[in-house]
Amino acid sequence: MKTIFDKATRDELINRIHTLNEGSTAQWGKMNVYQMVKHCTLCEEMYLGKKKYKRAFIGRLFGKIGLRNLLKDESSLKPNSPTSAAFIIKENDGDLASEKTKWISLIEEYATYSNTDFIHWFFGKMTKEQVGYFVFKHTDHHLRQFNS
């Protein structure tokens, strides 16, 4: 299974991010390309330990089961998967180029990942290995959403 901690995988994702532009349209979901990129930068900040979010009650009940099901194989995340309100981007537009640069910079930080006490807002405590697989799946999911 691909992991964000593999340099070749990071490079592949960064190359795909570079292909996004103002004309990129979603194959599913409600986000435009700017909102998706901003959503992903917020998520990377969480995974890297720069921001923390409160655990969802339902995640305390079902988070571990959900994580196990998501990571059991190499399948992609399903279109229109739910997210926390904290990761829903309300503004419709902004500086896409700047946001892409920020996202790429955050992706590159996985080369020196040190957030060993990571707690996901839904899944709870995750190992470094689980973070690596999940971050790849999440990033790949949103790039596929925009045909990148």
N, C-alpha and C. Protein backbone atom coordinates (compact mmCIF):
# COMPACT_ATOMS: atom_id res chain seq x y z
N MET A 1 0.85 -1.18 0.00
CA MET A 1 0.00 0.00 0.00
C MET A 1 0.90 1.24 0.00
N LYS A 2 0.49 2.26 -0.75
CA LYS A 2 1.28 3.48 -0.82
C LYS A 2 1.19 4.28 0.47
N THR A 3 2.30 4.94 0.81
CA THR A 3 2.37 5.74 2.02
C THR A 3 2.99 7.10 1.71
N ILE A 4 2.53 8.11 2.40
CA ILE A 4 3.05 9.47 2.23
C ILE A 4 4.51 9.56 2.67
N PHE A 5 4.98 8.59 3.41
CA PHE A 5 6.36 8.62 3.90
C PHE A 5 7.37 8.14 2.86
N ASP A 6 6.90 7.67 1.71
CA ASP A 6 7.77 7.25 0.61
C ASP A 6 8.00 8.45 -0.31
N LYS A 7 9.27 8.79 -0.56
CA LYS A 7 9.59 9.96 -1.36
C LYS A 7 8.98 9.89 -2.76
N ALA A 8 9.03 8.74 -3.39
CA ALA A 8 8.47 8.61 -4.74
C ALA A 8 6.97 8.88 -4.74
N THR A 9 6.29 8.44 -3.69
CA THR A 9 4.85 8.69 -3.56
C THR A 9 4.59 10.18 -3.37
N ARG A 10 5.37 10.83 -2.50
CA ARG A 10 5.22 12.29 -2.32
C ARG A 10 5.45 13.02 -3.63
N ASP A 11 6.50 12.64 -4.35
CA ASP A 11 6.80 13.29 -5.62
C ASP A 11 5.65 13.11 -6.62
N GLU A 12 5.08 11.92 -6.66
CA GLU A 12 3.94 11.65 -7.55
C GLU A 12 2.76 12.57 -7.20
N LEU A 13 2.46 12.67 -5.91
CA LEU A 13 1.34 13.52 -5.48
C LEU A 13 1.61 14.99 -5.79
N ILE A 14 2.84 15.43 -5.56
CA ILE A 14 3.20 16.83 -5.84
C ILE A 14 3.06 17.12 -7.33
N ASN A 15 3.49 16.20 -8.17
CA ASN A 15 3.33 16.39 -9.62
C ASN A 15 1.85 16.50 -10.00
N ARG A 16 1.02 15.71 -9.34
CA ARG A 16 -0.43 15.77 -9.61
C ARG A 16 -1.02 17.10 -9.12
N ILE A 17 -0.55 17.59 -7.97
CA ILE A 17 -1.02 18.89 -7.45
C ILE A 17 -0.69 19.99 -8.45
N HIS A 18 0.50 19.93 -9.05
CA HIS A 18 0.92 20.94 -10.03
C HIS A 18 -0.04 21.01 -11.22
N THR A 19 -0.73 19.92 -11.54
CA THR A 19 -1.63 19.93 -12.71
C THR A 19 -2.96 20.63 -12.43
N LEU A 20 -3.27 20.90 -11.17
CA LEU A 20 -4.52 21.58 -10.83
C LEU A 20 -4.45 23.04 -11.30
N ASN A 21 -5.59 23.54 -11.79
CA ASN A 21 -5.65 24.94 -12.20
C ASN A 21 -7.08 25.45 -12.03
N GLU A 22 -7.28 26.72 -12.29
CA GLU A 22 -8.60 27.35 -12.11
C GLU A 22 -9.69 26.64 -12.89
N GLY A 23 -9.34 25.99 -13.97
CA GLY A 23 -10.32 25.30 -14.79
C GLY A 23 -10.62 23.87 -14.36
N SER A 24 -9.93 23.39 -13.34
CA SER A 24 -10.16 22.02 -12.86
C SER A 24 -11.55 21.92 -12.25
N THR A 25 -12.31 20.91 -12.68
CA THR A 25 -13.67 20.74 -12.17
C THR A 25 -13.82 19.40 -11.48
N ALA A 26 -14.67 19.39 -10.48
CA ALA A 26 -14.87 18.19 -9.67
C ALA A 26 -15.71 17.15 -10.41
N GLN A 27 -15.33 15.90 -10.22
CA GLN A 27 -16.10 14.78 -10.75
C GLN A 27 -17.24 14.40 -9.80
N TRP A 28 -17.11 14.80 -8.55
CA TRP A 28 -18.14 14.57 -7.54
C TRP A 28 -17.97 15.61 -6.45
N GLY A 29 -18.94 15.70 -5.57
CA GLY A 29 -18.85 16.56 -4.41
C GLY A 29 -19.24 18.00 -4.68
N LYS A 30 -19.16 18.81 -3.64
CA LYS A 30 -19.62 20.20 -3.70
C LYS A 30 -18.49 21.21 -3.78
N MET A 31 -17.24 20.78 -3.58
CA MET A 31 -16.13 21.72 -3.54
C MET A 31 -15.65 22.10 -4.93
N ASN A 32 -15.20 23.34 -5.06
CA ASN A 32 -14.47 23.72 -6.27
C ASN A 32 -12.99 23.46 -6.00
N VAL A 33 -12.15 23.70 -6.99
CA VAL A 33 -10.73 23.35 -6.85
C VAL A 33 -10.05 24.13 -5.73
N TYR A 34 -10.36 25.41 -5.58
CA TYR A 34 -9.76 26.19 -4.50
C TYR A 34 -10.16 25.61 -3.14
N GLN A 35 -11.45 25.32 -2.97
CA GLN A 35 -11.93 24.78 -1.69
C GLN A 35 -11.28 23.44 -1.38
N MET A 36 -11.08 22.60 -2.39
CA MET A 36 -10.45 21.29 -2.18
C MET A 36 -9.01 21.46 -1.73
N VAL A 37 -8.27 22.35 -2.40
CA VAL A 37 -6.86 22.55 -2.04
C VAL A 37 -6.76 23.11 -0.63
N LYS A 38 -7.60 24.08 -0.30
CA LYS A 38 -7.61 24.67 1.05
C LYS A 38 -7.98 23.59 2.09
N HIS A 39 -8.98 22.76 1.78
CA HIS A 39 -9.38 21.65 2.65
C HIS A 39 -8.17 20.75 2.91
N CYS A 40 -7.44 20.42 1.87
CA CYS A 40 -6.30 19.52 2.02
C CYS A 40 -5.17 20.16 2.83
N THR A 41 -4.95 21.46 2.68
CA THR A 41 -3.90 22.11 3.48
C THR A 41 -4.29 22.08 4.96
N LEU A 42 -5.57 22.28 5.27
CA LEU A 42 -6.00 22.20 6.67
C LEU A 42 -5.78 20.79 7.22
N CYS A 43 -6.09 19.80 6.41
CA CYS A 43 -5.90 18.40 6.84
C CYS A 43 -4.42 18.10 7.06
N GLU A 44 -3.56 18.54 6.15
CA GLU A 44 -2.12 18.30 6.32
C GLU A 44 -1.62 18.94 7.61
N GLU A 45 -2.09 20.15 7.90
CA GLU A 45 -1.68 20.81 9.14
C GLU A 45 -2.07 19.98 10.36
N MET A 46 -3.23 19.34 10.29
CA MET A 46 -3.65 18.47 11.39
C MET A 46 -2.76 17.24 11.47
N TYR A 47 -2.54 16.55 10.36
CA TYR A 47 -1.74 15.34 10.37
C TYR A 47 -0.31 15.60 10.85
N LEU A 48 0.20 16.78 10.50
CA LEU A 48 1.57 17.13 10.87
C LEU A 48 1.68 17.69 12.29
N GLY A 49 0.55 17.83 12.98
CA GLY A 49 0.56 18.28 14.37
C GLY A 49 0.57 19.78 14.56
N LYS A 50 0.32 20.54 13.50
CA LYS A 50 0.32 22.00 13.59
C LYS A 50 -1.00 22.53 14.15
N LYS A 51 -2.08 21.76 13.97
CA LYS A 51 -3.39 22.13 14.50
C LYS A 51 -4.05 20.88 15.08
N LYS A 52 -4.82 21.08 16.13
CA LYS A 52 -5.53 19.98 16.77
C LYS A 52 -7.03 20.26 16.71
N TYR A 53 -7.81 19.20 16.61
CA TYR A 53 -9.26 19.32 16.54
C TYR A 53 -9.89 18.38 17.56
N LYS A 54 -11.00 18.81 18.08
CA LYS A 54 -11.73 18.04 19.09
C LYS A 54 -12.25 16.74 18.48
N ARG A 55 -12.17 15.66 19.25
CA ARG A 55 -12.70 14.37 18.80
C ARG A 55 -14.21 14.42 18.67
N ALA A 56 -14.73 13.83 17.62
CA ALA A 56 -16.17 13.72 17.41
C ALA A 56 -16.68 12.56 18.27
N PHE A 57 -17.81 12.76 18.91
CA PHE A 57 -18.37 11.71 19.76
C PHE A 57 -18.58 10.42 18.98
N ILE A 58 -19.15 10.53 17.78
CA ILE A 58 -19.40 9.32 16.99
C ILE A 58 -18.09 8.62 16.63
N GLY A 59 -17.02 9.40 16.48
CA GLY A 59 -15.72 8.82 16.22
C GLY A 59 -15.21 8.00 17.39
N ARG A 60 -15.53 8.46 18.59
CA ARG A 60 -15.14 7.69 19.78
C ARG A 60 -15.81 6.32 19.78
N LEU A 61 -17.01 6.26 19.19
CA LEU A 61 -17.75 5.00 19.14
C LEU A 61 -17.30 4.11 17.98
N PHE A 62 -17.09 4.72 16.81
CA PHE A 62 -16.87 3.93 15.59
C PHE A 62 -15.56 4.21 14.87
N GLY A 63 -14.75 5.11 15.40
CA GLY A 63 -13.53 5.53 14.71
C GLY A 63 -12.57 4.41 14.39
N LYS A 64 -12.28 3.56 15.36
CA LYS A 64 -11.31 2.48 15.15
C LYS A 64 -11.80 1.50 14.09
N ILE A 65 -13.10 1.20 14.11
CA ILE A 65 -13.68 0.30 13.10
C ILE A 65 -13.56 0.93 11.72
N GLY A 66 -13.90 2.23 11.64
CA GLY A 66 -13.81 2.94 10.37
C GLY A 66 -12.40 2.96 9.82
N LEU A 67 -11.43 3.22 10.68
CA LEU A 67 -10.04 3.26 10.25
C LEU A 67 -9.59 1.89 9.75
N ARG A 68 -9.93 0.85 10.49
CA ARG A 68 -9.56 -0.51 10.08
C ARG A 68 -10.15 -0.83 8.70
N ASN A 69 -11.41 -0.45 8.47
CA ASN A 69 -12.04 -0.72 7.17
C ASN A 69 -11.39 0.08 6.04
N LEU A 70 -11.01 1.31 6.32
CA LEU A 70 -10.37 2.15 5.29
C LEU A 70 -8.99 1.65 4.91
N LEU A 71 -8.28 1.09 5.87
CA LEU A 71 -6.89 0.70 5.62
C LEU A 71 -6.72 -0.79 5.34
N LYS A 72 -7.80 -1.52 5.21
CA LYS A 72 -7.69 -2.97 5.03
C LYS A 72 -7.14 -3.36 3.65
N ASP A 73 -7.25 -2.46 2.68
CA ASP A 73 -6.74 -2.76 1.34
C ASP A 73 -6.37 -1.46 0.63
N GLU A 74 -5.98 -1.58 -0.62
CA GLU A 74 -5.52 -0.42 -1.37
C GLU A 74 -6.65 0.35 -2.05
N SER A 75 -7.89 0.00 -1.79
CA SER A 75 -8.99 0.70 -2.44
C SER A 75 -9.02 2.17 -2.05
N SER A 76 -9.60 2.96 -2.92
CA SER A 76 -9.68 4.41 -2.71
C SER A 76 -10.81 4.76 -1.77
N LEU A 77 -10.75 5.98 -1.24
CA LEU A 77 -11.86 6.48 -0.44
C LEU A 77 -13.06 6.67 -1.36
N LYS A 78 -14.24 6.50 -0.82
CA LYS A 78 -15.46 6.63 -1.61
C LYS A 78 -15.78 8.11 -1.88
N PRO A 79 -16.31 8.41 -3.07
CA PRO A 79 -16.75 9.78 -3.32
C PRO A 79 -17.79 10.23 -2.30
N ASN A 80 -17.78 11.51 -2.00
CA ASN A 80 -18.74 12.13 -1.08
C ASN A 80 -18.64 11.61 0.35
N SER A 81 -17.44 11.20 0.76
CA SER A 81 -17.23 10.78 2.14
C SER A 81 -17.41 11.99 3.06
N PRO A 82 -17.97 11.80 4.24
CA PRO A 82 -18.20 12.93 5.15
C PRO A 82 -16.91 13.46 5.77
N THR A 83 -16.96 14.70 6.21
CA THR A 83 -15.83 15.32 6.91
C THR A 83 -16.36 16.16 8.06
N SER A 84 -15.48 16.60 8.91
CA SER A 84 -15.84 17.49 10.01
C SER A 84 -16.15 18.87 9.46
N ALA A 85 -17.05 19.59 10.12
CA ALA A 85 -17.38 20.96 9.72
C ALA A 85 -16.13 21.84 9.72
N ALA A 86 -15.14 21.51 10.53
CA ALA A 86 -13.90 22.30 10.60
C ALA A 86 -13.12 22.27 9.28
N PHE A 87 -13.39 21.28 8.43
CA PHE A 87 -12.66 21.13 7.18
C PHE A 87 -13.48 21.51 5.95
N ILE A 88 -14.67 22.06 6.19
CA ILE A 88 -15.51 22.53 5.09
C ILE A 88 -15.15 23.99 4.82
N ILE A 89 -14.72 24.27 3.62
CA ILE A 89 -14.27 25.61 3.24
C ILE A 89 -15.45 26.40 2.71
N LYS A 90 -15.75 27.51 3.38
CA LYS A 90 -16.92 28.32 3.01
C LYS A 90 -16.62 29.28 1.85
N GLU A 91 -15.41 29.89 1.85
CA GLU A 91 -15.12 30.85 0.79
C GLU A 91 -14.98 30.12 -0.55
N ASN A 92 -15.56 30.73 -1.58
CA ASN A 92 -15.59 30.09 -2.90
C ASN A 92 -14.33 30.28 -3.72
N ASP A 93 -13.56 31.33 -3.40
CA ASP A 93 -12.36 31.54 -4.19
C ASP A 93 -11.27 32.21 -3.36
N GLY A 94 -10.07 32.08 -3.88
CA GLY A 94 -8.90 32.64 -3.22
C GLY A 94 -7.70 32.44 -4.14
N ASP A 95 -6.54 32.59 -3.60
CA ASP A 95 -5.31 32.48 -4.37
C ASP A 95 -4.92 31.00 -4.49
N LEU A 96 -5.36 30.39 -5.59
CA LEU A 96 -5.12 28.96 -5.80
C LEU A 96 -3.63 28.64 -5.87
N ALA A 97 -2.86 29.45 -6.57
CA ALA A 97 -1.43 29.19 -6.70
C ALA A 97 -0.74 29.19 -5.34
N SER A 98 -1.08 30.16 -4.51
CA SER A 98 -0.49 30.25 -3.17
C SER A 98 -0.88 29.04 -2.32
N GLU A 99 -2.15 28.65 -2.40
CA GLU A 99 -2.64 27.51 -1.62
C GLU A 99 -1.99 26.21 -2.09
N LYS A 100 -1.78 26.05 -3.39
CA LYS A 100 -1.08 24.87 -3.92
C LYS A 100 0.35 24.82 -3.39
N THR A 101 1.01 25.97 -3.38
CA THR A 101 2.39 26.05 -2.88
C THR A 101 2.44 25.63 -1.41
N LYS A 102 1.49 26.11 -0.64
CA LYS A 102 1.41 25.75 0.78
C LYS A 102 1.19 24.25 0.94
N TRP A 103 0.26 23.69 0.17
CA TRP A 103 -0.04 22.25 0.23
C TRP A 103 1.20 21.43 -0.11
N ILE A 104 1.90 21.80 -1.16
CA ILE A 104 3.11 21.09 -1.57
C ILE A 104 4.16 21.14 -0.47
N SER A 105 4.33 22.31 0.12
CA SER A 105 5.29 22.47 1.21
C SER A 105 4.95 21.55 2.38
N LEU A 106 3.67 21.44 2.70
CA LEU A 106 3.24 20.56 3.79
C LEU A 106 3.48 19.10 3.43
N ILE A 107 3.20 18.71 2.19
CA ILE A 107 3.45 17.34 1.74
C ILE A 107 4.94 17.00 1.91
N GLU A 108 5.80 17.94 1.58
CA GLU A 108 7.24 17.71 1.69
C GLU A 108 7.69 17.51 3.14
N GLU A 109 6.94 18.05 4.10
CA GLU A 109 7.30 17.90 5.51
C GLU A 109 7.18 16.46 6.01
N TYR A 110 6.48 15.61 5.27
CA TYR A 110 6.37 14.21 5.71
C TYR A 110 7.72 13.49 5.66
N ALA A 111 8.69 14.07 4.98
CA ALA A 111 10.04 13.49 4.95
C ALA A 111 10.66 13.48 6.34
N THR A 112 10.22 14.40 7.20
CA THR A 112 10.75 14.48 8.57
C THR A 112 9.62 14.42 9.60
N TYR A 113 8.62 13.63 9.34
CA TYR A 113 7.44 13.51 10.20
C TYR A 113 7.81 13.10 11.62
N SER A 114 7.26 13.80 12.61
CA SER A 114 7.58 13.46 14.00
C SER A 114 6.36 13.54 14.92
N ASN A 115 5.17 13.54 14.36
CA ASN A 115 3.95 13.65 15.16
C ASN A 115 3.50 12.28 15.65
N THR A 116 4.27 11.68 16.55
CA THR A 116 4.00 10.31 16.98
C THR A 116 2.78 10.18 17.88
N ASP A 117 2.27 11.29 18.40
CA ASP A 117 1.09 11.25 19.27
C ASP A 117 -0.16 11.75 18.54
N PHE A 118 -0.21 11.54 17.23
CA PHE A 118 -1.32 12.06 16.44
C PHE A 118 -2.66 11.44 16.84
N ILE A 119 -3.65 12.30 17.02
CA ILE A 119 -5.02 11.86 17.30
C ILE A 119 -5.93 12.51 16.26
N HIS A 120 -6.54 11.68 15.44
CA HIS A 120 -7.45 12.14 14.39
C HIS A 120 -8.80 12.51 15.00
N TRP A 121 -9.45 13.51 14.45
CA TRP A 121 -10.72 14.00 15.00
C TRP A 121 -11.81 12.91 14.99
N PHE A 122 -11.73 11.94 14.07
CA PHE A 122 -12.72 10.87 14.01
C PHE A 122 -12.11 9.53 14.40
N PHE A 123 -10.98 9.18 13.83
CA PHE A 123 -10.40 7.85 14.03
C PHE A 123 -9.69 7.67 15.36
N GLY A 124 -9.30 8.75 15.99
CA GLY A 124 -8.58 8.66 17.27
C GLY A 124 -7.08 8.49 17.04
N LYS A 125 -6.42 7.87 18.02
CA LYS A 125 -4.97 7.67 17.97
C LYS A 125 -4.61 6.81 16.76
N MET A 126 -3.63 7.31 15.98
CA MET A 126 -3.18 6.58 14.80
C MET A 126 -1.67 6.39 14.88
N THR A 127 -1.20 5.22 14.45
CA THR A 127 0.24 4.98 14.38
C THR A 127 0.82 5.74 13.18
N LYS A 128 2.12 5.89 13.15
CA LYS A 128 2.77 6.54 12.01
C LYS A 128 2.43 5.80 10.72
N GLU A 129 2.45 4.48 10.76
CA GLU A 129 2.13 3.69 9.58
C GLU A 129 0.71 3.97 9.09
N GLN A 130 -0.25 4.02 10.01
CA GLN A 130 -1.63 4.32 9.64
C GLN A 130 -1.75 5.72 9.06
N VAL A 131 -1.06 6.68 9.65
CA VAL A 131 -1.08 8.05 9.12
C VAL A 131 -0.55 8.05 7.70
N GLY A 132 0.54 7.37 7.47
CA GLY A 132 1.15 7.33 6.13
C GLY A 132 0.20 6.81 5.07
N TYR A 133 -0.48 5.71 5.37
CA TYR A 133 -1.43 5.13 4.42
C TYR A 133 -2.63 6.04 4.24
N PHE A 134 -3.17 6.54 5.36
CA PHE A 134 -4.38 7.35 5.27
C PHE A 134 -4.14 8.68 4.56
N VAL A 135 -3.03 9.35 4.85
CA VAL A 135 -2.76 10.63 4.20
C VAL A 135 -2.63 10.42 2.69
N PHE A 136 -1.97 9.34 2.27
CA PHE A 136 -1.91 9.06 0.84
C PHE A 136 -3.31 8.88 0.28
N LYS A 137 -4.13 8.05 0.93
CA LYS A 137 -5.47 7.79 0.42
C LYS A 137 -6.30 9.07 0.34
N HIS A 138 -6.21 9.92 1.36
CA HIS A 138 -6.98 11.16 1.38
C HIS A 138 -6.53 12.09 0.25
N THR A 139 -5.22 12.25 0.08
CA THR A 139 -4.69 13.12 -0.96
C THR A 139 -5.05 12.59 -2.34
N ASP A 140 -4.85 11.30 -2.56
CA ASP A 140 -5.19 10.66 -3.83
C ASP A 140 -6.68 10.83 -4.14
N HIS A 141 -7.52 10.66 -3.13
CA HIS A 141 -8.97 10.80 -3.27
C HIS A 141 -9.32 12.17 -3.85
N HIS A 142 -8.75 13.23 -3.27
CA HIS A 142 -9.10 14.58 -3.72
C HIS A 142 -8.46 14.92 -5.07
N LEU A 143 -7.30 14.40 -5.34
CA LEU A 143 -6.72 14.62 -6.67
C LEU A 143 -7.53 13.90 -7.75
N ARG A 144 -7.97 12.69 -7.46
CA ARG A 144 -8.84 11.97 -8.40
C ARG A 144 -10.17 12.72 -8.59
N GLN A 145 -10.64 13.33 -7.52
CA GLN A 145 -11.89 14.11 -7.58
C GLN A 145 -11.80 15.17 -8.68
N PHE A 146 -10.60 15.71 -8.88
CA PHE A 146 -10.38 16.75 -9.89
C PHE A 146 -9.55 16.26 -11.08
N ASN A 147 -9.62 14.96 -11.34
CA ASN A 147 -8.94 14.35 -12.50
C ASN A 147 -7.45 14.62 -12.53
N SER A 148 -6.81 14.70 -11.38
CA SER A 148 -5.36 14.91 -11.35
C SER A 148 -4.66 13.68 -10.83
